[in-house]
Amino acid sequence: MRKIHVIGIGAGDPDQLTLQAVRALRNTDVFFLLDKGEVKSDLTRLRLDMLDTHIPDGGYRLVEARDPDRDRAASGGAYSPAVGDWRSARADIYERLIGEELGTEQTGAFLVWGDPSLYDSTLAILEEVLARGQVAFEYDVVPGISSVSALVARHRTGLNRVARPVQITTGRRLAEGLPDGVDDVVVMLDAHQAFRRYADQDIDIYWGAYLGTPDEILVSGPIAEAGPRIQRLRAEARERKGWIMDTYLLRRRPEGTQGGRQQGTREG
C-alpha cells in the first residue's frame, strides 16, 4: 500500500519544523511539489532549503507539477464553484502523481505551508482522489506551526484574552463586517486589505508578511496609524517579489483605553 505524509512545514523558517515533521521527511521516498510559476519560485526554493537542512544526505526524489490556475476574479455565488473547480483540477494532478510516480511500497509527501488543517485544501483534495477509487493509498497528517501562531509569537502577544473568544476568518468575510461578540479577529487571505474600513475604530492591528523568512515584515499599532504604513510596505514588497503572503490580528481596545502597543516595523 502506498503511503502519503501531509506535512505541515510552518511559515517558512526551517527551524519551525517539529521533530515529528523531521522524522516524516526522513522516511519519505518521493516529495511532490506543485510549482506556482516563476513569480513564486521563492516558495519552491524555501521548501528545497528545508529538505537540504533536514535531509542533508538526500536519498529522496522530487517530482514537480504545475499548479493549476484558479479563477480569482470569481465573487459572490460564483466563488465556491470556482474553488471547487480548482480543487478538482488539483485532484487530477495528485491522482496522476501518486499513481504514476509513487511505487506501491513507497512513501510520498506533500509539504504544506503552516498547518494542513487551517485554510489549506490538501486534505480535501486527497479525500477526493480516494473517493474516485482509481488509486489507493493511506495518508497521515503532521501538524505544523501556522502563520497565526508565528504572527502572535513574533509580535510577543497572545492570540486571545482572558475568557474571551478569538475568531479566524478571511479578508472576504471581514469586508462584510466584524463578527459579533468577538474582539480578537485573525484575518488570512486578505488581498484587498479589508482592515482599512475599520481605521475610524479603536482597534489595533498586528500584521506580518513573509513570516519566518528572511523577508519578514512586522507592523503593529492602531489601524489609523499603522494602516497606511502597512499599505505602503505591502505594495513595495509585492512589487519587489511579485507575490505576498500576510496575516494579521485585529484587537478591539477596551473602552476608555488610549491606544495599544507602540507601533513598530521590522524588516528582514
C-alpha atoms as a PDB file:
ATOM      1  CA  MET A   1       0.000   0.000   0.000  1.00  0.00           C
ATOM      2  CA  ARG A   2       1.279   3.437  -0.906  1.00  0.00           C
ATOM      3  CA  LYS A   3       1.548   5.885   1.973  1.00  0.00           C
ATOM      4  CA  ILE A   4       1.362   9.681   1.945  1.00  0.00           C
ATOM      5  CA  HIS A   5       2.568  12.142   4.579  1.00  0.00           C
ATOM      6  CA  VAL A   6       0.870  15.545   4.634  1.00  0.00           C
ATOM      7  CA  ILE A   7       3.495  17.554   6.489  1.00  0.00           C
ATOM      8  CA  GLY A   8       2.930  20.997   7.983  1.00  0.00           C
ATOM      9  CA  ILE A   9       6.182  22.888   7.459  1.00  0.00           C
ATOM     10  CA  GLY A  10       5.451  26.112   9.316  1.00  0.00           C
ATOM     11  CA  ALA A  11       5.500  29.636   7.985  1.00  0.00           C
ATOM     12  CA  GLY A  12       8.899  29.449   6.278  1.00  0.00           C
ATOM     13  CA  ASP A  13      11.651  29.022   8.869  1.00  0.00           C
ATOM     14  CA  PRO A  14      13.329  25.566   8.663  1.00  0.00           C
ATOM     15  CA  ASP A  15      13.783  25.729  12.453  1.00  0.00           C
ATOM     16  CA  GLN A  16       9.998  25.750  12.911  1.00  0.00           C
ATOM     17  CA  LEU A  17       9.568  22.168  11.772  1.00  0.00           C
ATOM     18  CA  THR A  18       8.587  19.825  14.582  1.00  0.00           C
ATOM     19  CA  LEU A  19      10.556  16.686  15.403  1.00  0.00           C
ATOM     20  CA  GLN A  20       7.608  14.677  14.066  1.00  0.00           C
ATOM     21  CA  ALA A  21       7.817  16.580  10.781  1.00  0.00           C
ATOM     22  CA  VAL A  22      11.553  15.942  10.504  1.00  0.00           C
ATOM     23  CA  ARG A  23      11.031  12.211  11.094  1.00  0.00           C
ATOM     24  CA  ALA A  24       8.357  12.179   8.395  1.00  0.00           C
ATOM     25  CA  LEU A  25      10.682  13.968   5.973  1.00  0.00           C
ATOM     26  CA  ARG A  26      13.393  11.413   6.581  1.00  0.00           C
ATOM     27  CA  ASN A  27      11.209   8.390   5.848  1.00  0.00           C
ATOM     28  CA  THR A  28       9.789   9.826   2.607  1.00  0.00           C
ATOM     29  CA  ASP A  29      10.840   8.413  -0.762  1.00  0.00           C
ATOM     30  CA  VAL A  30       9.165  10.938  -3.060  1.00  0.00           C
ATOM     31  CA  PHE A  31       8.271  14.583  -2.426  1.00  0.00           C
ATOM     32  CA  PHE A  32       5.544  16.107  -4.584  1.00  0.00           C
ATOM     33  CA  LEU A  33       5.899  19.837  -5.253  1.00  0.00           C
ATOM     34  CA  LEU A  34       3.377  21.983  -7.096  1.00  0.00           C
ATOM     35  CA  ASP A  35       5.171  24.751  -8.978  1.00  0.00           C
ATOM     36  CA  LYS A  36       3.302  28.074  -8.886  1.00  0.00           C
ATOM     37  CA  GLY A  37       5.375  29.616 -11.658  1.00  0.00           C
ATOM     38  CA  GLU A  38       8.464  31.778 -11.882  1.00  0.00           C
ATOM     39  CA  VAL A  39       6.951  34.623  -9.871  1.00  0.00           C
ATOM     40  CA  LYS A  40       6.533  32.378  -6.817  1.00  0.00           C
ATOM     41  CA  SER A  41       9.714  30.359  -7.305  1.00  0.00           C
ATOM     42  CA  ASP A  42      10.751  31.567  -3.820  1.00  0.00           C
ATOM     43  CA  LEU A  43       8.173  29.190  -2.368  1.00  0.00           C
ATOM     44  CA  THR A  44       9.760  26.209  -4.093  1.00  0.00           C
ATOM     45  CA  ARG A  45      13.218  27.306  -3.011  1.00  0.00           C
ATOM     46  CA  LEU A  46      12.103  27.592   0.623  1.00  0.00           C
ATOM     47  CA  ARG A  47      10.807  24.020   0.505  1.00  0.00           C
ATOM     48  CA  LEU A  48      14.066  22.802  -1.018  1.00  0.00           C
ATOM     49  CA  ASP A  49      16.033  24.661   1.659  1.00  0.00           C
ATOM     50  CA  MET A  50      14.034  22.805   4.308  1.00  0.00           C
ATOM     51  CA  LEU A  51      14.819  19.465   2.695  1.00  0.00           C
ATOM     52  CA  ASP A  52      18.517  20.348   2.461  1.00  0.00           C
ATOM     53  CA  THR A  53      18.508  21.392   6.120  1.00  0.00           C
ATOM     54  CA  HIS A  54      16.846  18.278   7.483  1.00  0.00           C
ATOM     55  CA  ILE A  55      17.880  15.636   4.921  1.00  0.00           C
ATOM     56  CA  PRO A  56      21.430  16.724   4.077  1.00  0.00           C
ATOM     57  CA  ASP A  57      22.351  13.334   2.588  1.00  0.00           C
ATOM     58  CA  GLY A  58      19.477  13.339   0.091  1.00  0.00           C
ATOM     59  CA  GLY A  59      18.183   9.887  -0.717  1.00  0.00           C
ATOM     60  CA  TYR A  60      14.795  11.059  -1.930  1.00  0.00           C
ATOM     61  CA  ARG A  61      13.221  12.003  -5.244  1.00  0.00           C
ATOM     62  CA  LEU A  62      11.464  15.235  -6.183  1.00  0.00           C
ATOM     63  CA  VAL A  63       8.516  15.259  -8.558  1.00  0.00           C
ATOM     64  CA  GLU A  64       7.198  18.652  -9.650  1.00  0.00           C
ATOM     65  CA  ALA A  65       3.993  19.596 -11.450  1.00  0.00           C
ATOM     66  CA  ARG A  66       2.486  22.940 -12.408  1.00  0.00           C
ATOM     67  CA  ASP A  67      -0.226  24.134 -10.056  1.00  0.00           C
ATOM     68  CA  PRO A  68      -3.474  24.802 -11.970  1.00  0.00           C
ATOM     69  CA  ASP A  69      -4.649  28.400 -12.166  1.00  0.00           C
ATOM     70  CA  ARG A  70      -7.648  29.476 -10.134  1.00  0.00           C
ATOM     71  CA  ASP A  71     -10.302  31.983 -11.142  1.00  0.00           C
ATOM     72  CA  ARG A  72      -9.503  34.683  -8.584  1.00  0.00           C
ATOM     73  CA  ALA A  73     -11.977  37.122 -10.116  1.00  0.00           C
ATOM     74  CA  ALA A  74     -14.934  34.953  -9.075  1.00  0.00           C
ATOM     75  CA  SER A  75     -17.106  36.515  -6.395  1.00  0.00           C
ATOM     76  CA  GLY A  76     -20.486  36.121  -4.761  1.00  0.00           C
ATOM     77  CA  GLY A  77     -22.250  32.917  -5.738  1.00  0.00           C
ATOM     78  CA  ALA A  78     -19.514  32.041  -8.241  1.00  0.00           C
ATOM     79  CA  TYR A  79     -16.749  31.926  -5.621  1.00  0.00           C
ATOM     80  CA  SER A  80     -17.411  28.469  -4.143  1.00  0.00           C
ATOM     81  CA  PRO A  81     -17.877  26.769  -7.550  1.00  0.00           C
ATOM     82  CA  ALA A  82     -14.607  28.354  -8.741  1.00  0.00           C
ATOM     83  CA  VAL A  83     -12.775  26.964  -5.722  1.00  0.00           C
ATOM     84  CA  GLY A  84     -14.393  23.567  -6.311  1.00  0.00           C
ATOM     85  CA  ASP A  85     -13.236  23.530  -9.930  1.00  0.00           C
ATOM     86  CA  TRP A  86      -9.700  24.422  -8.872  1.00  0.00           C
ATOM     87  CA  ARG A  87      -9.636  21.682  -6.249  1.00  0.00           C
ATOM     88  CA  SER A  88     -10.829  19.109  -8.765  1.00  0.00           C
ATOM     89  CA  ALA A  89      -8.099  20.206 -11.193  1.00  0.00           C
ATOM     90  CA  ARG A  90      -5.591  19.724  -8.392  1.00  0.00           C
ATOM     91  CA  ALA A  91      -7.102  16.322  -7.608  1.00  0.00           C
ATOM     92  CA  ASP A  92      -6.432  15.280 -11.231  1.00  0.00           C
ATOM     93  CA  ILE A  93      -2.759  16.153 -10.733  1.00  0.00           C
ATOM     94  CA  TYR A  94      -2.483  14.457  -7.327  1.00  0.00           C
ATOM     95  CA  GLU A  95      -4.096  11.317  -8.695  1.00  0.00           C
ATOM     96  CA  ARG A  96      -1.627  11.164 -11.582  1.00  0.00           C
ATOM     97  CA  LEU A  97       1.408  11.886  -9.398  1.00  0.00           C
ATOM     98  CA  ILE A  98       0.544   9.247  -6.819  1.00  0.00           C
ATOM     99  CA  GLY A  99      -0.461   6.648  -9.394  1.00  0.00           C
ATOM    100  CA  GLU A 100       2.483   7.135 -11.763  1.00  0.00           C
ATOM    101  CA  GLU A 101       5.353   8.408  -9.623  1.00  0.00           C
ATOM    102  CA  LEU A 102       4.959   6.521  -6.329  1.00  0.00           C
ATOM    103  CA  GLY A 103       5.723   2.800  -6.081  1.00  0.00           C
ATOM    104  CA  THR A 104       3.247   0.558  -4.293  1.00  0.00           C
ATOM    105  CA  GLU A 105       5.640   0.094  -1.352  1.00  0.00           C
ATOM    106  CA  GLN A 106       6.854   3.699  -1.232  1.00  0.00           C
ATOM    107  CA  THR A 107       6.009   6.758   0.864  1.00  0.00           C
ATOM    108  CA  GLY A 108       5.301  10.142  -0.690  1.00  0.00           C
ATOM    109  CA  ALA A 109       4.796  13.538   0.927  1.00  0.00           C
ATOM    110  CA  PHE A 110       3.165  16.891   0.306  1.00  0.00           C
ATOM    111  CA  LEU A 111       4.748  19.827   2.140  1.00  0.00           C
ATOM    112  CA  VAL A 112       2.063  22.223   3.342  1.00  0.00           C
ATOM    113  CA  TRP A 113       2.692  25.785   4.488  1.00  0.00           C
ATOM    114  CA  GLY A 114       1.714  26.367   8.105  1.00  0.00           C
ATOM    115  CA  ASP A 115      -0.677  23.698   9.325  1.00  0.00           C
ATOM    116  CA  PRO A 116      -2.633  21.414   6.954  1.00  0.00           C
ATOM    117  CA  SER A 117      -5.843  21.922   8.949  1.00  0.00           C
ATOM    118  CA  LEU A 118      -6.016  25.708   8.540  1.00  0.00           C
ATOM    119  CA  TYR A 119      -7.148  27.218   5.222  1.00  0.00           C
ATOM    120  CA  ASP A 120      -5.417  24.582   3.136  1.00  0.00           C
ATOM    121  CA  SER A 121      -7.005  22.283   0.562  1.00  0.00           C
ATOM    122  CA  THR A 122      -4.607  19.314   0.594  1.00  0.00           C
ATOM    123  CA  LEU A 123      -6.663  17.058   2.874  1.00  0.00           C
ATOM    124  CA  ALA A 124      -9.912  17.669   0.981  1.00  0.00           C
ATOM    125  CA  ILE A 125      -8.161  17.004  -2.335  1.00  0.00           C
ATOM    126  CA  LEU A 126      -6.669  13.722  -1.133  1.00  0.00           C
ATOM    127  CA  GLU A 127     -10.115  12.628   0.056  1.00  0.00           C
ATOM    128  CA  GLU A 128     -11.490  13.436  -3.401  1.00  0.00           C
ATOM    129  CA  VAL A 129      -8.762  11.338  -5.011  1.00  0.00           C
ATOM    130  CA  LEU A 130      -9.561   8.397  -2.734  1.00  0.00           C
ATOM    131  CA  ALA A 131     -13.280   8.736  -3.441  1.00  0.00           C
ATOM    132  CA  ARG A 132     -12.624   8.343  -7.169  1.00  0.00           C
ATOM    133  CA  GLY A 133     -11.268   4.855  -6.497  1.00  0.00           C
ATOM    134  CA  GLN A 134      -8.592   4.923  -9.194  1.00  0.00           C
ATOM    135  CA  VAL A 135      -5.571   4.910  -6.885  1.00  0.00           C
ATOM    136  CA  ALA A 136      -5.283   3.518  -3.348  1.00  0.00           C
ATOM    137  CA  PHE A 137      -3.126   4.889  -0.546  1.00  0.00           C
ATOM    138  CA  GLU A 138      -3.045   5.587   3.169  1.00  0.00           C
ATOM    139  CA  TYR A 139      -2.193   9.027   4.494  1.00  0.00           C
ATOM    140  CA  ASP A 140      -1.379  10.709   7.776  1.00  0.00           C
ATOM    141  CA  VAL A 141      -1.162  14.347   8.815  1.00  0.00           C
ATOM    142  CA  VAL A 142       1.724  16.016  10.633  1.00  0.00           C
ATOM    143  CA  PRO A 143       0.638  19.310  12.219  1.00  0.00           C
ATOM    144  CA  GLY A 144       2.745  22.403  11.680  1.00  0.00           C
ATOM    145  CA  ILE A 145       3.249  25.843  13.184  1.00  0.00           C
ATOM    146  CA  SER A 146       0.679  28.006  11.443  1.00  0.00           C
ATOM    147  CA  SER A 147       1.217  31.572  10.291  1.00  0.00           C
ATOM    148  CA  VAL A 148      -1.253  32.517  13.035  1.00  0.00           C
ATOM    149  CA  SER A 149       0.997  31.087  15.746  1.00  0.00           C
ATOM    150  CA  ALA A 150       4.079  32.585  14.104  1.00  0.00           C
ATOM    151  CA  LEU A 151       2.400  36.005  13.873  1.00  0.00           C
ATOM    152  CA  VAL A 152       1.496  36.356  17.546  1.00  0.00           C
ATOM    153  CA  ALA A 153       4.855  34.913  18.618  1.00  0.00           C
ATOM    154  CA  ARG A 154       6.752  37.482  16.544  1.00  0.00           C
ATOM    155  CA  HIS A 155       4.612  40.280  17.986  1.00  0.00           C
ATOM    156  CA  ARG A 156       5.015  38.859  21.506  1.00  0.00           C
ATOM    157  CA  THR A 157       1.300  38.869  22.205  1.00  0.00           C
ATOM    158  CA  GLY A 158      -1.373  36.309  22.950  1.00  0.00           C
ATOM    159  CA  LEU A 159      -3.933  35.099  20.465  1.00  0.00           C
ATOM    160  CA  ASN A 160      -6.848  35.565  22.862  1.00  0.00           C
ATOM    161  CA  ARG A 161      -7.564  37.482  26.037  1.00  0.00           C
ATOM    162  CA  VAL A 162      -8.830  36.139  29.363  1.00  0.00           C
ATOM    163  CA  ALA A 163     -12.218  34.458  28.999  1.00  0.00           C
ATOM    164  CA  ARG A 164     -12.699  35.956  25.541  1.00  0.00           C
ATOM    165  CA  PRO A 165     -13.137  34.184  22.195  1.00  0.00           C
ATOM    166  CA  VAL A 166     -10.943  34.600  19.132  1.00  0.00           C
ATOM    167  CA  GLN A 167     -12.097  34.090  15.553  1.00  0.00           C
ATOM    168  CA  ILE A 168     -10.084  33.209  12.466  1.00  0.00           C
ATOM    169  CA  THR A 169     -11.602  34.429   9.224  1.00  0.00           C
ATOM    170  CA  THR A 170     -10.753  35.661   5.731  1.00  0.00           C
ATOM    171  CA  GLY A 171     -10.437  39.109   4.240  1.00  0.00           C
ATOM    172  CA  ARG A 172     -13.524  38.373   2.160  1.00  0.00           C
ATOM    173  CA  ARG A 173     -15.557  37.797   5.344  1.00  0.00           C
ATOM    174  CA  LEU A 174     -14.029  40.722   7.203  1.00  0.00           C
ATOM    175  CA  ALA A 175     -15.156  43.042   4.409  1.00  0.00           C
ATOM    176  CA  GLU A 176     -18.729  42.094   5.344  1.00  0.00           C
ATOM    177  CA  GLY A 177     -18.235  43.273   8.931  1.00  0.00           C
ATOM    178  CA  LEU A 178     -16.577  42.357  12.198  1.00  0.00           C
ATOM    179  CA  PRO A 179     -18.069  39.264  13.861  1.00  0.00           C
ATOM    180  CA  ASP A 180     -20.491  39.964  16.696  1.00  0.00           C
ATOM    181  CA  GLY A 181     -19.211  39.460  20.219  1.00  0.00           C
ATOM    182  CA  VAL A 182     -15.589  38.898  19.191  1.00  0.00           C
ATOM    183  CA  ASP A 183     -12.892  41.460  19.974  1.00  0.00           C
ATOM    184  CA  ASP A 184      -9.890  39.485  18.644  1.00  0.00           C
ATOM    185  CA  VAL A 185     -10.018  38.510  14.976  1.00  0.00           C
ATOM    186  CA  VAL A 186      -7.251  36.853  12.946  1.00  0.00           C
ATOM    187  CA  VAL A 187      -7.522  37.543   9.223  1.00  0.00           C
ATOM    188  CA  MET A 188      -5.980  35.446   6.454  1.00  0.00           C
ATOM    189  CA  LEU A 189      -6.160  35.555   2.666  1.00  0.00           C
ATOM    190  CA  ASP A 190      -6.829  39.291   2.502  1.00  0.00           C
ATOM    191  CA  ALA A 191      -5.701  40.517  -0.901  1.00  0.00           C
ATOM    192  CA  HIS A 192      -7.709  43.735  -0.593  1.00  0.00           C
ATOM    193  CA  GLN A 193      -6.642  44.891   2.900  1.00  0.00           C
ATOM    194  CA  ALA A 194     -10.122  44.909   4.380  1.00  0.00           C
ATOM    195  CA  PHE A 195      -8.767  46.256   7.676  1.00  0.00           C
ATOM    196  CA  ARG A 196      -8.782  49.753   6.123  1.00  0.00           C
ATOM    197  CA  ARG A 197     -12.517  50.114   6.631  1.00  0.00           C
ATOM    198  CA  TYR A 198     -12.007  49.989  10.417  1.00  0.00           C
ATOM    199  CA  ALA A 199      -9.472  52.816  10.668  1.00  0.00           C
ATOM    200  CA  ASP A 200     -12.001  55.005  12.494  1.00  0.00           C
ATOM    201  CA  GLN A 201     -12.489  52.456  15.287  1.00  0.00           C
ATOM    202  CA  ASP A 202     -10.450  51.771  18.440  1.00  0.00           C
ATOM    203  CA  ILE A 203      -8.756  48.683  17.000  1.00  0.00           C
ATOM    204  CA  ASP A 204      -5.097  47.704  16.998  1.00  0.00           C
ATOM    205  CA  ILE A 205      -3.576  45.652  14.199  1.00  0.00           C
ATOM    206  CA  TYR A 206      -0.698  43.168  14.434  1.00  0.00           C
ATOM    207  CA  TRP A 207       0.412  42.470  10.864  1.00  0.00           C
ATOM    208  CA  GLY A 208       3.098  40.249   9.413  1.00  0.00           C
ATOM    209  CA  ALA A 209       4.226  39.305   5.915  1.00  0.00           C
ATOM    210  CA  TYR A 210       6.617  36.540   4.792  1.00  0.00           C
ATOM    211  CA  LEU A 211       6.629  35.286   8.376  1.00  0.00           C
ATOM    212  CA  GLY A 212       9.558  33.057   9.252  1.00  0.00           C
ATOM    213  CA  THR A 213      11.590  34.023   6.171  1.00  0.00           C
ATOM    214  CA  PRO A 214      14.477  36.473   5.636  1.00  0.00           C
ATOM    215  CA  ASP A 215      11.956  38.873   4.039  1.00  0.00           C
ATOM    216  CA  GLU A 216       9.738  39.045   7.127  1.00  0.00           C
ATOM    217  CA  ILE A 217       7.991  42.386   7.799  1.00  0.00           C
ATOM    218  CA  LEU A 218       6.120  43.245  11.013  1.00  0.00           C
ATOM    219  CA  VAL A 219       3.951  46.259  11.832  1.00  0.00           C
ATOM    220  CA  SER A 220       1.679  46.894  14.829  1.00  0.00           C
ATOM    221  CA  GLY A 221      -0.345  49.762  16.241  1.00  0.00           C
ATOM    222  CA  PRO A 222      -3.745  51.449  15.910  1.00  0.00           C
ATOM    223  CA  ILE A 223      -5.172  50.850  12.446  1.00  0.00           C
ATOM    224  CA  ALA A 224      -5.431  54.597  11.825  1.00  0.00           C
ATOM    225  CA  GLU A 225      -1.650  54.935  12.291  1.00  0.00           C
ATOM    226  CA  ALA A 226      -0.321  51.546  11.212  1.00  0.00           C
ATOM    227  CA  GLY A 227      -2.691  51.054   8.277  1.00  0.00           C
ATOM    228  CA  PRO A 228      -1.035  53.486   5.840  1.00  0.00           C
ATOM    229  CA  ARG A 229       2.405  52.060   6.661  1.00  0.00           C
ATOM    230  CA  ILE A 230       1.150  48.513   6.046  1.00  0.00           C
ATOM    231  CA  GLN A 231      -0.334  49.559   2.706  1.00  0.00           C
ATOM    232  CA  ARG A 232       2.955  51.134   1.621  1.00  0.00           C
ATOM    233  CA  LEU A 233       5.164  48.256   2.780  1.00  0.00           C
ATOM    234  CA  ARG A 234       2.813  45.690   1.307  1.00  0.00           C
ATOM    235  CA  ALA A 235       2.769  47.402  -2.092  1.00  0.00           C
ATOM    236  CA  GLU A 236       6.566  47.748  -2.112  1.00  0.00           C
ATOM    237  CA  ALA A 237       7.098  44.121  -1.125  1.00  0.00           C
ATOM    238  CA  ARG A 238       4.652  42.816  -3.696  1.00  0.00           C
ATOM    239  CA  GLU A 239       6.295  44.909  -6.406  1.00  0.00           C
ATOM    240  CA  ARG A 240       9.736  43.673  -5.362  1.00  0.00           C
ATOM    241  CA  LYS A 241       8.908  39.954  -5.069  1.00  0.00           C
ATOM    242  CA  GLY A 242       5.832  39.575  -7.275  1.00  0.00           C
ATOM    243  CA  TRP A 243       3.794  37.909  -4.507  1.00  0.00           C
ATOM    244  CA  ILE A 244       2.979  38.297  -0.838  1.00  0.00           C
ATOM    245  CA  MET A 245       1.671  36.135   1.993  1.00  0.00           C
ATOM    246  CA  ASP A 246       0.473  38.075   5.023  1.00  0.00           C
ATOM    247  CA  THR A 247      -1.672  37.577   8.108  1.00  0.00           C
ATOM    248  CA  TYR A 248      -2.899  39.927  10.804  1.00  0.00           C
ATOM    249  CA  LEU A 249      -4.672  40.108  14.138  1.00  0.00           C
ATOM    250  CA  LEU A 250      -7.242  42.821  14.840  1.00  0.00           C
ATOM    251  CA  ARG A 251      -7.745  43.588  18.521  1.00  0.00           C
ATOM    252  CA  ARG A 252     -10.504  45.894  19.719  1.00  0.00           C
ATOM    253  CA  ARG A 253      -9.362  48.045  22.618  1.00  0.00           C
ATOM    254  CA  PRO A 254     -11.414  48.109  25.830  1.00  0.00           C
ATOM    255  CA  GLU A 255     -13.473  51.245  26.291  1.00  0.00           C
ATOM    256  CA  GLY A 256     -11.591  54.048  27.972  1.00  0.00           C
ATOM    257  CA  THR A 257      -8.109  52.947  26.912  1.00  0.00           C
ATOM    258  CA  GLN A 258      -5.817  55.056  24.787  1.00  0.00           C
ATOM    259  CA  GLY A 259      -4.033  53.198  22.015  1.00  0.00           C
ATOM    260  CA  GLY A 260      -2.266  49.887  22.115  1.00  0.00           C
ATOM    261  CA  ARG A 261       1.326  48.825  21.881  1.00  0.00           C
ATOM    262  CA  GLN A 262       3.652  51.359  20.312  1.00  0.00           C
ATOM    263  CA  GLN A 263       3.714  50.957  16.569  1.00  0.00           C
ATOM    264  CA  GLY A 264       6.822  49.301  15.164  1.00  0.00           C
ATOM    265  CA  THR A 265       8.212  47.845  11.994  1.00  0.00           C
ATOM    266  CA  ARG A 266      10.785  45.116  11.496  1.00  0.00           C
ATOM    267  CA  GLU A 267      12.024  44.213   8.032  1.00  0.00           C
ATOM    268  CA  GLY A 268      14.083  41.100   7.374  1.00  0.00           C
END
